[in-house]
Amino acid sequence: MAERISPLIDAATLLKFRGDSNLVLVDANGAPDARSTYDDHHLEGAVFVDMNKQLAEVGPNAAQGGRHPLPVAEKFAASLSTLGITPDSHVVAYDDKNGSNAAARLWW
């Protein structure tokens, strides 16, 4: 993907890059039933990321560290690798909140 594109894209732009070997499409649904939502409604070719297990280090008590504290760097790097994300990847993430929830966490 030699062309530089905006970090925020629309569906038409995503379709332009469909089939690109460096594209990793990520469904980052943050709903309580995220996995079943992914199973029923994900975009073709998207991989599933779990907000609570891969994008956060959720502890037993939210009063200690917050509701979704960041995972340690090594765990996050391992999650990215599991998703097929490499330094050469172009990642497109979407979620059930128009990009303002788990997709934003992944992007950040």
PDB file of N, CA and C in Angstrom:
ATOM      1  N   MET A   1       0.845  -1.157   0.000  1.00  0.00           N
ATOM      2  CA  MET A   1       0.000   0.000   0.000  1.00  0.00           C
ATOM      3  C   MET A   1       0.898   1.230   0.000  1.00  0.00           C
ATOM      4  N   ALA A   2       1.362   1.641  -1.132  1.00  0.00           N
ATOM      5  CA  ALA A   2       2.291   2.754  -1.235  1.00  0.00           C
ATOM      6  C   ALA A   2       1.593   4.100  -1.082  1.00  0.00           C
ATOM      7  N   GLU A   3       0.331   4.173  -1.417  1.00  0.00           N
ATOM      8  CA  GLU A   3      -0.420   5.417  -1.340  1.00  0.00           C
ATOM      9  C   GLU A   3      -0.670   5.800   0.118  1.00  0.00           C
ATOM     10  N   ARG A   4      -0.426   7.075   0.436  1.00  0.00           N
ATOM     11  CA  ARG A   4      -0.734   7.555   1.789  1.00  0.00           C
ATOM     12  C   ARG A   4      -2.195   7.963   1.815  1.00  0.00           C
ATOM     13  N   ILE A   5      -2.898   7.498   2.827  1.00  0.00           N
ATOM     14  CA  ILE A   5      -4.301   7.857   2.973  1.00  0.00           C
ATOM     15  C   ILE A   5      -4.547   8.401   4.366  1.00  0.00           C
ATOM     16  N   SER A   6      -5.660   9.054   4.512  1.00  0.00           N
ATOM     17  CA  SER A   6      -6.043   9.629   5.797  1.00  0.00           C
ATOM     18  C   SER A   6      -6.193   8.511   6.829  1.00  0.00           C
ATOM     19  N   PRO A   7      -5.939   8.809   8.107  1.00  0.00           N
ATOM     20  CA  PRO A   7      -6.157   7.789   9.139  1.00  0.00           C
ATOM     21  C   PRO A   7      -7.627   7.424   9.301  1.00  0.00           C
ATOM     22  N   LEU A   8      -8.525   8.299   8.901  1.00  0.00           N
ATOM     23  CA  LEU A   8      -9.955   8.019   8.956  1.00  0.00           C
ATOM     24  C   LEU A   8     -10.458   7.880   7.525  1.00  0.00           C
ATOM     25  N   ILE A   9     -11.082   6.741   7.225  1.00  0.00           N
ATOM     26  CA  ILE A   9     -11.534   6.497   5.861  1.00  0.00           C
ATOM     27  C   ILE A   9     -13.009   6.117   5.842  1.00  0.00           C
ATOM     28  N   ASP A  10     -13.576   6.193   4.656  1.00  0.00           N
ATOM     29  CA  ASP A  10     -14.960   5.771   4.484  1.00  0.00           C
ATOM     30  C   ASP A  10     -14.978   4.407   3.800  1.00  0.00           C
ATOM     31  N   ALA A  11     -16.177   3.857   3.651  1.00  0.00           N
ATOM     32  CA  ALA A  11     -16.319   2.515   3.075  1.00  0.00           C
ATOM     33  C   ALA A  11     -15.781   2.444   1.652  1.00  0.00           C
ATOM     34  N   ALA A  12     -15.986   3.486   0.871  1.00  0.00           N
ATOM     35  CA  ALA A  12     -15.504   3.477  -0.517  1.00  0.00           C
ATOM     36  C   ALA A  12     -13.979   3.374  -0.567  1.00  0.00           C
ATOM     37  N   THR A  13     -13.304   4.070   0.329  1.00  0.00           N
ATOM     38  CA  THR A  13     -11.844   4.002   0.375  1.00  0.00           C
ATOM     39  C   THR A  13     -11.391   2.614   0.821  1.00  0.00           C
ATOM     40  N   LEU A  14     -12.078   2.048   1.808  1.00  0.00           N
ATOM     41  CA  LEU A  14     -11.744   0.693   2.243  1.00  0.00           C
ATOM     42  C   LEU A  14     -11.850  -0.282   1.077  1.00  0.00           C
ATOM     43  N   LEU A  15     -12.878  -0.161   0.279  1.00  0.00           N
ATOM     44  CA  LEU A  15     -13.061  -1.067  -0.860  1.00  0.00           C
ATOM     45  C   LEU A  15     -11.922  -0.962  -1.869  1.00  0.00           C
ATOM     46  N   LYS A  16     -11.317   0.222  -1.986  1.00  0.00           N
ATOM     47  CA  LYS A  16     -10.176   0.386  -2.896  1.00  0.00           C
ATOM     48  C   LYS A  16      -9.012  -0.514  -2.506  1.00  0.00           C
ATOM     49  N   PHE A  17      -8.865  -0.759  -1.208  1.00  0.00           N
ATOM     50  CA  PHE A  17      -7.716  -1.512  -0.706  1.00  0.00           C
ATOM     51  C   PHE A  17      -8.039  -2.972  -0.411  1.00  0.00           C
ATOM     52  N   ARG A  18      -9.243  -3.368  -0.702  1.00  0.00           N
ATOM     53  CA  ARG A  18      -9.650  -4.757  -0.486  1.00  0.00           C
ATOM     54  C   ARG A  18      -8.722  -5.694  -1.268  1.00  0.00           C
ATOM     55  N   GLY A  19      -8.237  -6.713  -0.617  1.00  0.00           N
ATOM     56  CA  GLY A  19      -7.336  -7.654  -1.273  1.00  0.00           C
ATOM     57  C   GLY A  19      -5.867  -7.295  -1.151  1.00  0.00           C
ATOM     58  N   ASP A  20      -5.539  -6.116  -0.635  1.00  0.00           N
ATOM     59  CA  ASP A  20      -4.148  -5.732  -0.432  1.00  0.00           C
ATOM     60  C   ASP A  20      -3.557  -6.616   0.659  1.00  0.00           C
ATOM     61  N   SER A  21      -2.414  -7.204   0.411  1.00  0.00           N
ATOM     62  CA  SER A  21      -1.829  -8.160   1.360  1.00  0.00           C
ATOM     63  C   SER A  21      -1.397  -7.504   2.674  1.00  0.00           C
ATOM     64  N   ASN A  22      -1.213  -6.187   2.704  1.00  0.00           N
ATOM     65  CA  ASN A  22      -0.819  -5.503   3.937  1.00  0.00           C
ATOM     66  C   ASN A  22      -2.009  -4.997   4.744  1.00  0.00           C
ATOM     67  N   LEU A  23      -3.212  -5.144   4.214  1.00  0.00           N
ATOM     68  CA  LEU A  23      -4.402  -4.672   4.915  1.00  0.00           C
ATOM     69  C   LEU A  23      -4.817  -5.665   5.995  1.00  0.00           C
ATOM     70  N   VAL A  24      -5.013  -5.154   7.212  1.00  0.00           N
ATOM     71  CA  VAL A  24      -5.577  -5.952   8.297  1.00  0.00           C
ATOM     72  C   VAL A  24      -6.834  -5.219   8.754  1.00  0.00           C
ATOM     73  N   LEU A  25      -7.972  -5.840   8.510  1.00  0.00           N
ATOM     74  CA  LEU A  25      -9.264  -5.283   8.887  1.00  0.00           C
ATOM     75  C   LEU A  25      -9.638  -5.867  10.242  1.00  0.00           C
ATOM     76  N   VAL A  26      -9.906  -4.984  11.216  1.00  0.00           N
ATOM     77  CA  VAL A  26     -10.124  -5.423  12.588  1.00  0.00           C
ATOM     78  C   VAL A  26     -11.513  -5.002  13.066  1.00  0.00           C
ATOM     79  N   ASP A  27     -12.295  -5.972  13.501  1.00  0.00           N
ATOM     80  CA  ASP A  27     -13.578  -5.721  14.144  1.00  0.00           C
ATOM     81  C   ASP A  27     -13.302  -5.595  15.628  1.00  0.00           C
ATOM     82  N   ALA A  28     -13.421  -4.374  16.145  1.00  0.00           N
ATOM     83  CA  ALA A  28     -13.101  -4.095  17.544  1.00  0.00           C
ATOM     84  C   ALA A  28     -14.351  -3.747  18.327  1.00  0.00           C
ATOM     85  N   ASN A  29     -15.364  -4.534  18.167  1.00  0.00           N
ATOM     86  CA  ASN A  29     -16.628  -4.317  18.851  1.00  0.00           C
ATOM     87  C   ASN A  29     -16.423  -4.424  20.357  1.00  0.00           C
ATOM     88  N   GLY A  30     -16.898  -3.428  21.100  1.00  0.00           N
ATOM     89  CA  GLY A  30     -16.703  -3.433  22.544  1.00  0.00           C
ATOM     90  C   GLY A  30     -17.922  -3.846  23.340  1.00  0.00           C
ATOM     91  N   ALA A  31     -18.942  -4.350  22.684  1.00  0.00           N
ATOM     92  CA  ALA A  31     -20.177  -4.745  23.376  1.00  0.00           C
ATOM     93  C   ALA A  31     -19.939  -5.969  24.263  1.00  0.00           C
ATOM     94  N   PRO A  32     -20.793  -6.156  25.275  1.00  0.00           N
ATOM     95  CA  PRO A  32     -20.653  -7.341  26.135  1.00  0.00           C
ATOM     96  C   PRO A  32     -20.732  -8.653  25.347  1.00  0.00           C
ATOM     97  N   ASP A  33     -21.488  -8.672  24.284  1.00  0.00           N
ATOM     98  CA  ASP A  33     -21.614  -9.863  23.442  1.00  0.00           C
ATOM     99  C   ASP A  33     -20.816  -9.705  22.149  1.00  0.00           C
ATOM    100  N   ALA A  34     -19.637  -9.082  22.262  1.00  0.00           N
ATOM    101  CA  ALA A  34     -18.836  -8.721  21.091  1.00  0.00           C
ATOM    102  C   ALA A  34     -18.526  -9.914  20.192  1.00  0.00           C
ATOM    103  N   ARG A  35     -18.168 -11.038  20.759  1.00  0.00           N
ATOM    104  CA  ARG A  35     -17.804 -12.190  19.930  1.00  0.00           C
ATOM    105  C   ARG A  35     -18.989 -12.683  19.109  1.00  0.00           C
ATOM    106  N   SER A  36     -20.165 -12.767  19.718  1.00  0.00           N
ATOM    107  CA  SER A  36     -21.331 -13.233  18.951  1.00  0.00           C
ATOM    108  C   SER A  36     -21.739 -12.199  17.911  1.00  0.00           C
ATOM    109  N   THR A  37     -21.580 -10.918  18.218  1.00  0.00           N
ATOM    110  CA  THR A  37     -21.857  -9.877  17.226  1.00  0.00           C
ATOM    111  C   THR A  37     -20.895 -10.012  16.054  1.00  0.00           C
ATOM    112  N   TYR A  38     -19.619 -10.230  16.360  1.00  0.00           N
ATOM    113  CA  TYR A  38     -18.629 -10.458  15.297  1.00  0.00           C
ATOM    114  C   TYR A  38     -19.028 -11.679  14.468  1.00  0.00           C
ATOM    115  N   ASP A  39     -19.350 -12.772  15.127  1.00  0.00           N
ATOM    116  CA  ASP A  39     -19.707 -13.999  14.410  1.00  0.00           C
ATOM    117  C   ASP A  39     -20.893 -13.781  13.470  1.00  0.00           C
ATOM    118  N   ASP A  40     -21.832 -12.954  13.873  1.00  0.00           N
ATOM    119  CA  ASP A  40     -23.045 -12.737  13.086  1.00  0.00           C
ATOM    120  C   ASP A  40     -22.941 -11.621  12.056  1.00  0.00           C
ATOM    121  N   HIS A  41     -22.055 -10.606  12.293  1.00  0.00           N
ATOM    122  CA  HIS A  41     -22.141  -9.399  11.473  1.00  0.00           C
ATOM    123  C   HIS A  41     -20.811  -8.778  11.039  1.00  0.00           C
ATOM    124  N   HIS A  42     -19.694  -9.449  11.155  1.00  0.00           N
ATOM    125  CA  HIS A  42     -18.429  -8.794  10.807  1.00  0.00           C
ATOM    126  C   HIS A  42     -18.282  -8.619   9.291  1.00  0.00           C
ATOM    127  N   LEU A  43     -17.445  -7.645   8.918  1.00  0.00           N
ATOM    128  CA  LEU A  43     -17.131  -7.447   7.510  1.00  0.00           C
ATOM    129  C   LEU A  43     -16.258  -8.598   7.028  1.00  0.00           C
ATOM    130  N   GLU A  44     -16.445  -8.971   5.786  1.00  0.00           N
ATOM    131  CA  GLU A  44     -15.675 -10.080   5.215  1.00  0.00           C
ATOM    132  C   GLU A  44     -14.179  -9.809   5.339  1.00  0.00           C
ATOM    133  N   GLY A  45     -13.465 -10.765   5.880  1.00  0.00           N
ATOM    134  CA  GLY A  45     -12.017 -10.661   6.024  1.00  0.00           C
ATOM    135  C   GLY A  45     -11.553 -10.030   7.324  1.00  0.00           C
ATOM    136  N   ALA A  46     -12.481  -9.553   8.142  1.00  0.00           N
ATOM    137  CA  ALA A  46     -12.098  -8.902   9.397  1.00  0.00           C
ATOM    138  C   ALA A  46     -11.700  -9.925  10.448  1.00  0.00           C
ATOM    139  N   VAL A  47     -10.721  -9.550  11.262  1.00  0.00           N
ATOM    140  CA  VAL A  47     -10.335 -10.360  12.407  1.00  0.00           C
ATOM    141  C   VAL A  47     -10.968  -9.754  13.650  1.00  0.00           C
ATOM    142  N   PHE A  48     -11.209 -10.584  14.649  1.00  0.00           N
ATOM    143  CA  PHE A  48     -11.858 -10.139  15.882  1.00  0.00           C
ATOM    144  C   PHE A  48     -10.819  -9.754  16.916  1.00  0.00           C
ATOM    145  N   VAL A  49     -11.021  -8.611  17.560  1.00  0.00           N
ATOM    146  CA  VAL A  49     -10.198  -8.235  18.705  1.00  0.00           C
ATOM    147  C   VAL A  49     -11.123  -8.079  19.905  1.00  0.00           C
ATOM    148  N   ASP A  50     -10.696  -8.585  21.025  1.00  0.00           N
ATOM    149  CA  ASP A  50     -11.486  -8.529  22.251  1.00  0.00           C
ATOM    150  C   ASP A  50     -11.027  -7.333  23.084  1.00  0.00           C
ATOM    151  N   MET A  51     -11.923  -6.364  23.242  1.00  0.00           N
ATOM    152  CA  MET A  51     -11.608  -5.143  23.989  1.00  0.00           C
ATOM    153  C   MET A  51     -11.098  -5.465  25.389  1.00  0.00           C
ATOM    154  N   ASN A  52     -11.742  -6.391  26.076  1.00  0.00           N
ATOM    155  CA  ASN A  52     -11.390  -6.671  27.463  1.00  0.00           C
ATOM    156  C   ASN A  52     -10.157  -7.550  27.627  1.00  0.00           C
ATOM    157  N   LYS A  53      -9.855  -8.387  26.641  1.00  0.00           N
ATOM    158  CA  LYS A  53      -8.737  -9.320  26.788  1.00  0.00           C
ATOM    159  C   LYS A  53      -7.489  -8.902  26.016  1.00  0.00           C
ATOM    160  N   GLN A  54      -7.654  -8.198  24.895  1.00  0.00           N
ATOM    161  CA  GLN A  54      -6.504  -7.844  24.074  1.00  0.00           C
ATOM    162  C   GLN A  54      -6.152  -6.359  24.113  1.00  0.00           C
ATOM    163  N   LEU A  55      -7.136  -5.504  24.384  1.00  0.00           N
ATOM    164  CA  LEU A  55      -6.879  -4.065  24.375  1.00  0.00           C
ATOM    165  C   LEU A  55      -6.881  -3.451  25.768  1.00  0.00           C
ATOM    166  N   ALA A  56      -7.078  -4.270  26.787  1.00  0.00           N
ATOM    167  CA  ALA A  56      -7.088  -3.787  28.166  1.00  0.00           C
ATOM    168  C   ALA A  56      -6.597  -4.888  29.091  1.00  0.00           C
ATOM    169  N   GLU A  57      -6.248  -4.483  30.277  1.00  0.00           N
ATOM    170  CA  GLU A  57      -5.833  -5.417  31.328  1.00  0.00           C
ATOM    171  C   GLU A  57      -6.848  -5.272  32.451  1.00  0.00           C
ATOM    172  N   VAL A  58      -8.013  -5.870  32.254  1.00  0.00           N
ATOM    173  CA  VAL A  58      -9.125  -5.720  33.196  1.00  0.00           C
ATOM    174  C   VAL A  58      -8.840  -6.520  34.456  1.00  0.00           C
ATOM    175  N   GLY A  59      -8.840  -5.827  35.567  1.00  0.00           N
ATOM    176  CA  GLY A  59      -8.593  -6.480  36.848  1.00  0.00           C
ATOM    177  C   GLY A  59      -9.889  -6.762  37.583  1.00  0.00           C
ATOM    178  N   PRO A  60      -9.791  -7.376  38.733  1.00  0.00           N
ATOM    179  CA  PRO A  60     -10.997  -7.731  39.491  1.00  0.00           C
ATOM    180  C   PRO A  60     -11.707  -6.529  40.105  1.00  0.00           C
ATOM    181  N   ASN A  61     -10.991  -5.399  40.276  1.00  0.00           N
ATOM    182  CA  ASN A  61     -11.571  -4.235  40.929  1.00  0.00           C
ATOM    183  C   ASN A  61     -11.249  -2.985  40.110  1.00  0.00           C
ATOM    184  N   ALA A  62     -12.269  -2.390  39.476  1.00  0.00           N
ATOM    185  CA  ALA A  62     -12.065  -1.203  38.641  1.00  0.00           C
ATOM    186  C   ALA A  62     -11.547  -0.015  39.446  1.00  0.00           C
ATOM    187  N   ALA A  63     -11.735  -0.027  40.763  1.00  0.00           N
ATOM    188  CA  ALA A  63     -11.222   1.050  41.605  1.00  0.00           C
ATOM    189  C   ALA A  63      -9.694   1.046  41.634  1.00  0.00           C
ATOM    190  N   GLN A  64      -9.106  -0.065  41.243  1.00  0.00           N
ATOM    191  CA  GLN A  64      -7.641  -0.175  41.189  1.00  0.00           C
ATOM    192  C   GLN A  64      -7.212  -0.281  39.733  1.00  0.00           C
ATOM    193  N   GLY A  65      -6.941   0.856  39.124  1.00  0.00           N
ATOM    194  CA  GLY A  65      -6.451   0.863  37.758  1.00  0.00           C
ATOM    195  C   GLY A  65      -7.456   1.283  36.713  1.00  0.00           C
ATOM    196  N   GLY A  66      -8.723   1.365  37.067  1.00  0.00           N
ATOM    197  CA  GLY A  66      -9.727   1.801  36.101  1.00  0.00           C
ATOM    198  C   GLY A  66     -10.461   0.639  35.464  1.00  0.00           C
ATOM    199  N   ARG A  67     -11.458   0.982  34.669  1.00  0.00           N
ATOM    200  CA  ARG A  67     -12.309  -0.032  34.047  1.00  0.00           C
ATOM    201  C   ARG A  67     -11.604  -0.776  32.912  1.00  0.00           C
ATOM    202  N   HIS A  68     -10.803  -0.075  32.121  1.00  0.00           N
ATOM    203  CA  HIS A  68     -10.081  -0.681  30.997  1.00  0.00           C
ATOM    204  C   HIS A  68      -8.634  -0.167  30.939  1.00  0.00           C
ATOM    205  N   PRO A  69      -7.826  -0.449  31.964  1.00  0.00           N
ATOM    206  CA  PRO A  69      -6.435   0.012  31.900  1.00  0.00           C
ATOM    207  C   PRO A  69      -5.689  -0.664  30.755  1.00  0.00           C
ATOM    208  N   LEU A  70      -4.723   0.047  30.226  1.00  0.00           N
ATOM    209  CA  LEU A  70      -3.944  -0.499  29.110  1.00  0.00           C
ATOM    210  C   LEU A  70      -3.204  -1.758  29.522  1.00  0.00           C
ATOM    211  N   PRO A  71      -3.072  -2.702  28.591  1.00  0.00           N
ATOM    212  CA  PRO A  71      -2.263  -3.886  28.894  1.00  0.00           C
ATOM    213  C   PRO A  71      -0.784  -3.514  28.877  1.00  0.00           C
ATOM    214  N   VAL A  72       0.026  -4.362  29.480  1.00  0.00           N
ATOM    215  CA  VAL A  72       1.471  -4.126  29.410  1.00  0.00           C
ATOM    216  C   VAL A  72       1.898  -4.232  27.950  1.00  0.00           C
ATOM    217  N   ALA A  73       2.962  -3.535  27.609  1.00  0.00           N
ATOM    218  CA  ALA A  73       3.400  -3.442  26.216  1.00  0.00           C
ATOM    219  C   ALA A  73       3.633  -4.814  25.581  1.00  0.00           C
ATOM    220  N   GLU A  74       4.229  -5.744  26.317  1.00  0.00           N
ATOM    221  CA  GLU A  74       4.523  -7.065  25.766  1.00  0.00           C
ATOM    222  C   GLU A  74       3.243  -7.829  25.430  1.00  0.00           C
ATOM    223  N   LYS A  75       2.258  -7.728  26.293  1.00  0.00           N
ATOM    224  CA  LYS A  75       0.981  -8.409  26.036  1.00  0.00           C
ATOM    225  C   LYS A  75       0.275  -7.783  24.836  1.00  0.00           C
ATOM    226  N   PHE A  76       0.308  -6.461  24.739  1.00  0.00           N
ATOM    227  CA  PHE A  76      -0.320  -5.777  23.611  1.00  0.00           C
ATOM    228  C   PHE A  76       0.387  -6.146  22.307  1.00  0.00           C
ATOM    229  N   ALA A  77       1.707  -6.184  22.324  1.00  0.00           N
ATOM    230  CA  ALA A  77       2.470  -6.567  21.128  1.00  0.00           C
ATOM    231  C   ALA A  77       2.128  -7.994  20.708  1.00  0.00           C
ATOM    232  N   ALA A  78       1.980  -8.894  21.666  1.00  0.00           N
ATOM    233  CA  ALA A  78       1.604 -10.272  21.347  1.00  0.00           C
ATOM    234  C   ALA A  78       0.208 -10.318  20.734  1.00  0.00           C
ATOM    235  N   SER A  79      -0.709  -9.509  21.240  1.00  0.00           N
ATOM    236  CA  SER A  79      -2.059  -9.458  20.669  1.00  0.00           C
ATOM    237  C   SER A  79      -2.026  -8.963  19.231  1.00  0.00           C
ATOM    238  N   LEU A  80      -1.232  -7.934  18.968  1.00  0.00           N
ATOM    239  CA  LEU A  80      -1.116  -7.429  17.598  1.00  0.00           C
ATOM    240  C   LEU A  80      -0.578  -8.506  16.673  1.00  0.00           C
ATOM    241  N   SER A  81       0.405  -9.234  17.144  1.00  0.00           N
ATOM    242  CA  SER A  81       0.974 -10.319  16.347  1.00  0.00           C
ATOM    243  C   SER A  81      -0.066 -11.394  16.063  1.00  0.00           C
ATOM    244  N   THR A  82      -0.854 -11.742  17.073  1.00  0.00           N
ATOM    245  CA  THR A  82      -1.917 -12.736  16.908  1.00  0.00           C
ATOM    246  C   THR A  82      -2.930 -12.296  15.856  1.00  0.00           C
ATOM    247  N   LEU A  83      -3.179 -10.991  15.793  1.00  0.00           N
ATOM    248  CA  LEU A  83      -4.123 -10.450  14.810  1.00  0.00           C
ATOM    249  C   LEU A  83      -3.531 -10.389  13.405  1.00  0.00           C
ATOM    250  N   GLY A  84      -2.233 -10.647  13.284  1.00  0.00           N
ATOM    251  CA  GLY A  84      -1.583 -10.581  11.978  1.00  0.00           C
ATOM    252  C   GLY A  84      -1.044  -9.205  11.647  1.00  0.00           C
ATOM    253  N   ILE A  85      -0.942  -8.348  12.656  1.00  0.00           N
ATOM    254  CA  ILE A  85      -0.463  -6.987  12.451  1.00  0.00           C
ATOM    255  C   ILE A  85       1.051  -6.961  12.598  1.00  0.00           C
ATOM    256  N   THR A  86       1.707  -6.426  11.584  1.00  0.00           N
ATOM    257  CA  THR A  86       3.157  -6.282  11.567  1.00  0.00           C
ATOM    258  C   THR A  86       3.492  -4.815  11.321  1.00  0.00           C
ATOM    259  N   PRO A  87       4.765  -4.440  11.395  1.00  0.00           N
ATOM    260  CA  PRO A  87       5.127  -3.051  11.091  1.00  0.00           C
ATOM    261  C   PRO A  87       4.745  -2.625   9.663  1.00  0.00           C
ATOM    262  N   ASP A  88       4.566  -3.567   8.763  1.00  0.00           N
ATOM    263  CA  ASP A  88       4.199  -3.245   7.383  1.00  0.00           C
ATOM    264  C   ASP A  88       2.692  -3.213   7.144  1.00  0.00           C
ATOM    265  N   SER A  89       1.914  -3.534   8.154  1.00  0.00           N
ATOM    266  CA  SER A  89       0.459  -3.606   7.990  1.00  0.00           C
ATOM    267  C   SER A  89      -0.179  -2.225   7.900  1.00  0.00           C
ATOM    268  N   HIS A  90      -1.253  -2.181   7.137  1.00  0.00           N
ATOM    269  CA  HIS A  90      -2.150  -1.029   7.158  1.00  0.00           C
ATOM    270  C   HIS A  90      -3.403  -1.520   7.854  1.00  0.00           C
ATOM    271  N   VAL A  91      -3.658  -1.002   9.053  1.00  0.00           N
ATOM    272  CA  VAL A  91      -4.749  -1.482   9.891  1.00  0.00           C
ATOM    273  C   VAL A  91      -5.963  -0.585   9.733  1.00  0.00           C
ATOM    274  N   VAL A  92      -7.099  -1.208   9.475  1.00  0.00           N
ATOM    275  CA  VAL A  92      -8.383  -0.507   9.463  1.00  0.00           C
ATOM    276  C   VAL A  92      -9.229  -1.157  10.548  1.00  0.00           C
ATOM    277  N   ALA A  93      -9.601  -0.346  11.540  1.00  0.00           N
ATOM    278  CA  ALA A  93     -10.387  -0.852  12.662  1.00  0.00           C
ATOM    279  C   ALA A  93     -11.759  -0.193  12.659  1.00  0.00           C
ATOM    280  N   TYR A  94     -12.749  -0.985  13.008  1.00  0.00           N
ATOM    281  CA  TYR A  94     -14.099  -0.452  13.171  1.00  0.00           C
ATOM    282  C   TYR A  94     -14.723  -1.089  14.399  1.00  0.00           C
ATOM    283  N   ASP A  95     -15.744  -0.421  14.949  1.00  0.00           N
ATOM    284  CA  ASP A  95     -16.444  -0.964  16.101  1.00  0.00           C
ATOM    285  C   ASP A  95     -17.932  -0.642  16.013  1.00  0.00           C
ATOM    286  N   ASP A  96     -18.643  -0.987  17.044  1.00  0.00           N
ATOM    287  CA  ASP A  96     -20.088  -0.779  17.070  1.00  0.00           C
ATOM    288  C   ASP A  96     -20.484   0.617  17.531  1.00  0.00           C
ATOM    289  N   LYS A  97     -19.521   1.502  17.720  1.00  0.00           N
ATOM    290  CA  LYS A  97     -19.778   2.870  18.181  1.00  0.00           C
ATOM    291  C   LYS A  97     -19.200   3.890  17.198  1.00  0.00           C
ATOM    292  N   ASN A  98     -19.200   3.576  15.905  1.00  0.00           N
ATOM    293  CA  ASN A  98     -18.687   4.474  14.863  1.00  0.00           C
ATOM    294  C   ASN A  98     -17.237   4.885  15.103  1.00  0.00           C
ATOM    295  N   GLY A  99     -16.454   3.980  15.641  1.00  0.00           N
ATOM    296  CA  GLY A  99     -15.025   4.227  15.839  1.00  0.00           C
ATOM    297  C   GLY A  99     -14.673   4.949  17.121  1.00  0.00           C
ATOM    298  N   SER A 100     -15.638   5.189  17.983  1.00  0.00           N
ATOM    299  CA  SER A 100     -15.343   5.974  19.187  1.00  0.00           C
ATOM    300  C   SER A 100     -15.137   5.113  20.431  1.00  0.00           C
ATOM    301  N   ASN A 101     -15.014   3.818  20.271  1.00  0.00           N
ATOM    302  CA  ASN A 101     -14.847   2.968  21.445  1.00  0.00           C
ATOM    303  C   ASN A 101     -13.614   2.082  21.252  1.00  0.00           C
ATOM    304  N   ALA A 102     -13.811   0.811  21.040  1.00  0.00           N
ATOM    305  CA  ALA A 102     -12.692  -0.137  20.961  1.00  0.00           C
ATOM    306  C   ALA A 102     -11.801   0.129  19.746  1.00  0.00           C
ATOM    307  N   ALA A 103     -12.370   0.574  18.641  1.00  0.00           N
ATOM    308  CA  ALA A 103     -11.545   0.879  17.462  1.00  0.00           C
ATOM    309  C   ALA A 103     -10.590   2.041  17.769  1.00  0.00           C
ATOM    310  N   ALA A 104     -11.085   3.030  18.486  1.00  0.00           N
ATOM    311  CA  ALA A 104     -10.226   4.152  18.874  1.00  0.00           C
ATOM    312  C   ALA A 104      -9.129   3.681  19.820  1.00  0.00           C
ATOM    313  N   ARG A 105      -9.454   2.763  20.709  1.00  0.00           N
ATOM    314  CA  ARG A 105      -8.448   2.207  21.635  1.00  0.00           C
ATOM    315  C   ARG A 105      -7.352   1.493  20.848  1.00  0.00           C
ATOM    316  N   LEU A 106      -7.747   0.685  19.886  1.00  0.00           N
ATOM    317  CA  LEU A 106      -6.763  -0.025  19.063  1.00  0.00           C
ATOM    318  C   LEU A 106      -5.903   0.977  18.289  1.00  0.00           C
ATOM    319  N   TRP A 107      -6.510   1.987  17.720  1.00  0.00           N
ATOM    320  CA  TRP A 107      -5.801   2.981  16.938  1.00  0.00           C
ATOM    321  C   TRP A 107      -4.817   3.745  17.823  1.00  0.00           C
ATOM    322  N   TRP A 108      -5.263   4.125  19.011  1.00  0.00           N
ATOM    323  CA  TRP A 108      -4.441   4.892  19.918  1.00  0.00           C
ATOM    324  C   TRP A 108      -3.232   4.099  20.328  1.00  0.00           C
TER     325      TRP A 108
END
